[in-house]
C-alpha cells in the first residue's frame, strides 16, 4: 500500500510553493504598473499576508538543497518587500497595511532632501502643481512631475517592479530545477 503521508517538510514546502505562485498571480499587475503610489499599499497587503503564512510554515524546519535555495530566495523577497520595523511596510504580523502605515524610504541623495513620509502624505500632495519640487531635484522631475510624481517614478515604481522580479525569478528557478 502506498504511503500518502508526507513529512512536515514536504507538506509545508508544497504550501510555500503555493503561497509564492498565488502571490505572483496576485501581483501580476506590477509588470505594467505606472501608478505605484496608488498601488503600493495593495502590494504590501498581498505581500504581508503571504509573509505571515510563509513565516509560520518554515518555522523550525530545515529544508535541503533546492528547497532551501527557494526558501532563501523567498526570505530575500520578504526582507525587501515585506514587513520591516524601519522599512516601507512598518506593520506588525497580522496588521493590515494602509496608506498611513506604509512609508516611502528614500535613498541617497534624495534621503537628505525629502523626509520619510507615509503614502497617505504623498497622495495628499498628488495634485500639487507640476514642477513643485525642491530646486535641487528640479532637473530630475524634468518638468513632468510634482514631488509625489518624482518619488513615484524614481522610487515606488522601481521598488514594486524590482521586488516582483525577485519573486518571479525564484519561482522560475525552482521550476527549471
C-alpha atoms as a PDB file:
ATOM      1  CA  UNK A   1       0.000   0.000   0.000  1.00  0.00           C
ATOM      2  CA  UNK A   2       1.300   3.392  -0.997  1.00  0.00           C
ATOM      3  CA  UNK A   3       2.065   5.850   1.819  1.00  0.00           C
ATOM      4  CA  UNK A   4       0.006   9.004   1.356  1.00  0.00           C
ATOM      5  CA  UNK A   5       1.526  10.768   4.301  1.00  0.00           C
ATOM      6  CA  UNK A   6       4.213  13.322   3.690  1.00  0.00           C
ATOM      7  CA  UNK A   7       6.754  14.671   6.089  1.00  0.00           C
ATOM      8  CA  UNK A   8       6.083  18.077   7.575  1.00  0.00           C
ATOM      9  CA  UNK A   9       8.929  19.419   5.440  1.00  0.00           C
ATOM     10  CA  UNK A  10       7.359  18.185   2.180  1.00  0.00           C
ATOM     11  CA  UNK A  11       3.856  19.287   3.148  1.00  0.00           C
ATOM     12  CA  UNK A  12       4.991  22.749   4.229  1.00  0.00           C
ATOM     13  CA  UNK A  13       7.241  23.188   1.207  1.00  0.00           C
ATOM     14  CA  UNK A  14       4.291  22.423  -1.082  1.00  0.00           C
ATOM     15  CA  UNK A  15       2.335  25.130   0.747  1.00  0.00           C
ATOM     16  CA  UNK A  16       5.257  27.565   0.407  1.00  0.00           C
ATOM     17  CA  UNK A  17       5.251  26.990  -3.360  1.00  0.00           C
ATOM     18  CA  UNK A  18       1.505  27.627  -3.467  1.00  0.00           C
ATOM     19  CA  UNK A  19       1.903  30.860  -1.498  1.00  0.00           C
ATOM     20  CA  UNK A  20       4.621  32.066  -3.880  1.00  0.00           C
ATOM     21  CA  UNK A  21       2.651  31.151  -7.004  1.00  0.00           C
ATOM     22  CA  UNK A  22      -0.530  32.782  -5.696  1.00  0.00           C
ATOM     23  CA  UNK A  23       1.410  35.906  -4.767  1.00  0.00           C
ATOM     24  CA  UNK A  24       2.961  36.041  -8.232  1.00  0.00           C
ATOM     25  CA  UNK A  25      -0.529  35.807  -9.732  1.00  0.00           C
ATOM     26  CA  UNK A  26      -1.994  38.394  -7.321  1.00  0.00           C
ATOM     27  CA  UNK A  27       0.799  40.826  -8.186  1.00  0.00           C
ATOM     28  CA  UNK A  28       0.774  40.261 -11.946  1.00  0.00           C
ATOM     29  CA  UNK A  29      -0.449  43.848 -12.408  1.00  0.00           C
ATOM     30  CA  UNK A  30       3.028  45.040 -11.355  1.00  0.00           C
ATOM     31  CA  UNK A  31       4.520  44.418 -14.800  1.00  0.00           C
ATOM     32  CA  UNK A  32       2.575  47.304 -16.348  1.00  0.00           C
ATOM     33  CA  UNK A  33       2.280  49.476 -13.242  1.00  0.00           C
ATOM     34  CA  UNK A  34       2.875  53.189 -13.732  1.00  0.00           C
ATOM     35  CA  UNK A  35       0.825  54.358 -10.726  1.00  0.00           C
ATOM     36  CA  UNK A  36       2.813  52.737  -7.937  1.00  0.00           C
ATOM     37  CA  UNK A  37       1.915  55.335  -5.336  1.00  0.00           C
ATOM     38  CA  UNK A  38      -1.736  54.346  -5.740  1.00  0.00           C
ATOM     39  CA  UNK A  39      -0.945  50.621  -5.617  1.00  0.00           C
ATOM     40  CA  UNK A  40       1.925  50.280  -3.118  1.00  0.00           C
ATOM     41  CA  UNK A  41      -0.480  49.663  -0.228  1.00  0.00           C
ATOM     42  CA  UNK A  42      -2.205  46.888  -2.201  1.00  0.00           C
ATOM     43  CA  UNK A  43       1.248  45.444  -2.940  1.00  0.00           C
ATOM     44  CA  UNK A  44       2.066  45.343   0.773  1.00  0.00           C
ATOM     45  CA  UNK A  45      -1.351  43.980   1.713  1.00  0.00           C
ATOM     46  CA  UNK A  46      -0.678  40.989  -0.541  1.00  0.00           C
ATOM     47  CA  UNK A  47       2.952  40.505   0.490  1.00  0.00           C
ATOM     48  CA  UNK A  48       2.159  40.857   4.213  1.00  0.00           C
ATOM     49  CA  UNK A  49      -0.426  38.089   4.246  1.00  0.00           C
ATOM     50  CA  UNK A  50       1.930  35.851   2.256  1.00  0.00           C
ATOM     51  CA  UNK A  51       4.860  36.712   4.533  1.00  0.00           C
ATOM     52  CA  UNK A  52       2.866  35.840   7.654  1.00  0.00           C
ATOM     53  CA  UNK A  53       1.823  32.475   6.198  1.00  0.00           C
ATOM     54  CA  UNK A  54       5.328  31.756   4.886  1.00  0.00           C
ATOM     55  CA  UNK A  55       6.983  32.583   8.215  1.00  0.00           C
ATOM     56  CA  UNK A  56       4.703  30.169  10.077  1.00  0.00           C
ATOM     57  CA  UNK A  57       5.293  27.380   7.561  1.00  0.00           C
ATOM     58  CA  UNK A  58       9.087  27.494   7.683  1.00  0.00           C
ATOM     59  CA  UNK A  59       9.422  27.825  11.469  1.00  0.00           C
ATOM     60  CA  UNK A  60      11.651  25.094  12.836  1.00  0.00           C
ATOM     61  CA  UNK A  61      12.096  23.268   9.539  1.00  0.00           C
ATOM     62  CA  UNK A  62      15.453  22.636   7.918  1.00  0.00           C
ATOM     63  CA  UNK A  63      14.941  22.414   4.189  1.00  0.00           C
ATOM     64  CA  UNK A  64      17.597  20.876   1.992  1.00  0.00           C
ATOM     65  CA  UNK A  65      19.217  21.636  -1.358  1.00  0.00           C
ATOM     66  CA  UNK A  66      16.923  23.262  -3.927  1.00  0.00           C
ATOM     67  CA  UNK A  67      14.139  23.595  -1.365  1.00  0.00           C
ATOM     68  CA  UNK A  68      16.418  25.620   0.914  1.00  0.00           C
ATOM     69  CA  UNK A  69      17.562  27.725  -2.028  1.00  0.00           C
ATOM     70  CA  UNK A  70      13.938  28.538  -2.895  1.00  0.00           C
ATOM     71  CA  UNK A  71      13.065  29.295   0.736  1.00  0.00           C
ATOM     72  CA  UNK A  72      16.127  31.564   0.958  1.00  0.00           C
ATOM     73  CA  UNK A  73      15.062  33.434  -2.177  1.00  0.00           C
ATOM     74  CA  UNK A  74      11.585  33.959  -0.715  1.00  0.00           C
ATOM     75  CA  UNK A  75      13.127  35.153   2.544  1.00  0.00           C
ATOM     76  CA  UNK A  76      15.137  37.664   0.496  1.00  0.00           C
ATOM     77  CA  UNK A  77      11.951  38.783  -1.249  1.00  0.00           C
ATOM     78  CA  UNK A  78      10.067  39.234   2.034  1.00  0.00           C
ATOM     79  CA  UNK A  79      13.025  41.035   3.610  1.00  0.00           C
ATOM     80  CA  UNK A  80      12.813  43.594   0.800  1.00  0.00           C
ATOM     81  CA  UNK A  81       9.068  43.615   0.128  1.00  0.00           C
ATOM     82  CA  UNK A  82       7.548  42.573   3.432  1.00  0.00           C
ATOM     83  CA  UNK A  83       7.140  43.871   6.925  1.00  0.00           C
ATOM     84  CA  UNK A  84      10.096  45.718   8.449  1.00  0.00           C
ATOM     85  CA  UNK A  85      10.123  47.920  11.532  1.00  0.00           C
ATOM     86  CA  UNK A  86      12.136  50.662   9.801  1.00  0.00           C
ATOM     87  CA  UNK A  87      11.287  49.817   6.204  1.00  0.00           C
ATOM     88  CA  UNK A  88       8.463  50.773   3.903  1.00  0.00           C
ATOM     89  CA  UNK A  89       5.860  48.449   5.416  1.00  0.00           C
ATOM     90  CA  UNK A  90       6.061  49.118   9.140  1.00  0.00           C
ATOM     91  CA  UNK A  91       3.197  46.892  10.185  1.00  0.00           C
ATOM     92  CA  UNK A  92       3.351  44.057  12.684  1.00  0.00           C
ATOM     93  CA  UNK A  93       2.424  40.457  11.944  1.00  0.00           C
ATOM     94  CA  UNK A  94      -1.304  40.264  11.294  1.00  0.00           C
ATOM     95  CA  UNK A  95      -1.702  44.031  10.933  1.00  0.00           C
ATOM     96  CA  UNK A  96      -3.180  45.288   7.673  1.00  0.00           C
ATOM     97  CA  UNK A  97      -1.017  47.785   5.744  1.00  0.00           C
ATOM     98  CA  UNK A  98      -2.745  51.035   4.830  1.00  0.00           C
ATOM     99  CA  UNK A  99      -1.745  54.425   3.465  1.00  0.00           C
ATOM    100  CA  UNK A 100      -0.911  55.665   6.977  1.00  0.00           C
ATOM    101  CA  UNK A 101       1.448  52.841   7.995  1.00  0.00           C
ATOM    102  CA  UNK A 102       3.303  52.378   4.709  1.00  0.00           C
ATOM    103  CA  UNK A 103       6.225  54.777   4.271  1.00  0.00           C
ATOM    104  CA  UNK A 104       8.365  55.663   1.290  1.00  0.00           C
ATOM    105  CA  UNK A 105      12.031  55.461   2.258  1.00  0.00           C
ATOM    106  CA  UNK A 106      14.333  57.482   0.068  1.00  0.00           C
ATOM    107  CA  UNK A 107      17.836  56.506  -0.905  1.00  0.00           C
ATOM    108  CA  UNK A 108      20.792  58.824  -1.420  1.00  0.00           C
ATOM    109  CA  UNK A 109      20.904  61.567  -2.491  1.00  0.00           C
ATOM    110  CA  UNK A 110      17.151  62.088  -2.030  1.00  0.00           C
ATOM    111  CA  UNK A 111      17.145  60.933   1.594  1.00  0.00           C
ATOM    112  CA  UNK A 112      18.818  64.217   2.533  1.00  0.00           C
ATOM    113  CA  UNK A 113      16.190  66.277   0.708  1.00  0.00           C
ATOM    114  CA  UNK A 114      12.918  64.546   1.496  1.00  0.00           C
ATOM    115  CA  UNK A 115      11.709  63.279   4.820  1.00  0.00           C
ATOM    116  CA  UNK A 116      10.291  59.786   5.067  1.00  0.00           C
ATOM    117  CA  UNK A 117       6.538  60.205   4.746  1.00  0.00           C
ATOM    118  CA  UNK A 118       3.574  57.910   4.591  1.00  0.00           C
ATOM    119  CA  UNK A 119       1.852  57.027   1.349  1.00  0.00           C
ATOM    120  CA  UNK A 120      -1.126  58.985   2.680  1.00  0.00           C
ATOM    121  CA  UNK A 121       1.038  62.104   2.949  1.00  0.00           C
ATOM    122  CA  UNK A 122       2.390  61.641  -0.582  1.00  0.00           C
ATOM    123  CA  UNK A 123      -1.058  61.009  -2.034  1.00  0.00           C
ATOM    124  CA  UNK A 124      -2.403  64.141  -0.363  1.00  0.00           C
ATOM    125  CA  UNK A 125       0.179  66.090  -2.405  1.00  0.00           C
ATOM    126  CA  UNK A 126      -0.563  64.291  -5.673  1.00  0.00           C
ATOM    127  CA  UNK A 127      -2.426  67.259  -7.162  1.00  0.00           C
ATOM    128  CA  UNK A 128       0.205  69.872  -6.327  1.00  0.00           C
ATOM    129  CA  UNK A 129       1.392  71.778  -9.396  1.00  0.00           C
ATOM    130  CA  UNK A 130       3.807  70.019 -11.748  1.00  0.00           C
ATOM    131  CA  UNK A 131       7.342  71.168 -11.120  1.00  0.00           C
ATOM    132  CA  UNK A 132       6.645  71.837  -7.450  1.00  0.00           C
ATOM    133  CA  UNK A 133       9.734  70.118  -6.096  1.00  0.00           C
ATOM    134  CA  UNK A 134      12.850  71.162  -4.239  1.00  0.00           C
ATOM    135  CA  UNK A 135      15.074  73.230  -6.523  1.00  0.00           C
ATOM    136  CA  UNK A 136      17.939  70.759  -6.037  1.00  0.00           C
ATOM    137  CA  UNK A 137      15.961  67.952  -7.723  1.00  0.00           C
ATOM    138  CA  UNK A 138      14.010  70.078 -10.187  1.00  0.00           C
ATOM    139  CA  UNK A 139      16.167  68.724 -13.035  1.00  0.00           C
ATOM    140  CA  UNK A 140      15.154  65.166 -12.055  1.00  0.00           C
ATOM    141  CA  UNK A 141      11.472  65.942 -12.402  1.00  0.00           C
ATOM    142  CA  UNK A 142      12.096  67.340 -15.891  1.00  0.00           C
ATOM    143  CA  UNK A 143       9.019  69.497 -15.547  1.00  0.00           C
ATOM    144  CA  UNK A 144       6.851  66.353 -15.786  1.00  0.00           C
ATOM    145  CA  UNK A 145       6.107  65.750 -12.119  1.00  0.00           C
ATOM    146  CA  UNK A 146       5.496  67.296  -8.782  1.00  0.00           C
ATOM    147  CA  UNK A 147       7.198  65.835  -5.702  1.00  0.00           C
ATOM    148  CA  UNK A 148       4.778  62.894  -5.474  1.00  0.00           C
ATOM    149  CA  UNK A 149       5.229  62.074  -9.148  1.00  0.00           C
ATOM    150  CA  UNK A 150       9.007  62.269  -8.860  1.00  0.00           C
ATOM    151  CA  UNK A 151       9.058  59.932  -5.873  1.00  0.00           C
ATOM    152  CA  UNK A 152       6.573  57.570  -7.516  1.00  0.00           C
ATOM    153  CA  UNK A 153       8.621  57.321 -10.708  1.00  0.00           C
ATOM    154  CA  UNK A 154      12.058  57.308  -9.063  1.00  0.00           C
ATOM    155  CA  UNK A 155      11.380  55.027  -6.104  1.00  0.00           C
ATOM    156  CA  UNK A 156       7.952  53.442  -5.820  1.00  0.00           C
ATOM    157  CA  UNK A 157       7.513  52.023  -9.328  1.00  0.00           C
ATOM    158  CA  UNK A 158      11.053  50.584  -9.430  1.00  0.00           C
ATOM    159  CA  UNK A 159      10.650  49.198  -5.885  1.00  0.00           C
ATOM    160  CA  UNK A 160       7.483  47.318  -6.809  1.00  0.00           C
ATOM    161  CA  UNK A 161       8.846  46.043 -10.126  1.00  0.00           C
ATOM    162  CA  UNK A 162      12.273  45.002  -8.810  1.00  0.00           C
ATOM    163  CA  UNK A 163      10.785  43.057  -5.923  1.00  0.00           C
ATOM    164  CA  UNK A 164       8.223  41.380  -8.163  1.00  0.00           C
ATOM    165  CA  UNK A 165      11.099  40.267 -10.403  1.00  0.00           C
ATOM    166  CA  UNK A 166      12.842  38.679  -7.388  1.00  0.00           C
ATOM    167  CA  UNK A 167       9.683  36.668  -6.714  1.00  0.00           C
ATOM    168  CA  UNK A 168       9.228  35.673 -10.362  1.00  0.00           C
ATOM    169  CA  UNK A 169      12.895  34.677 -10.707  1.00  0.00           C
ATOM    170  CA  UNK A 170      12.741  32.473  -7.597  1.00  0.00           C
ATOM    171  CA  UNK A 171       9.686  30.650  -8.912  1.00  0.00           C
ATOM    172  CA  UNK A 172      11.178  30.302 -12.381  1.00  0.00           C
ATOM    173  CA  UNK A 173      14.427  28.911 -10.998  1.00  0.00           C
ATOM    174  CA  UNK A 174      12.551  26.353  -8.902  1.00  0.00           C
ATOM    175  CA  UNK A 175      10.540  25.249 -11.937  1.00  0.00           C
ATOM    176  CA  UNK A 176      13.709  24.896 -14.031  1.00  0.00           C
ATOM    177  CA  UNK A 177      15.401  22.607 -11.490  1.00  0.00           C
END
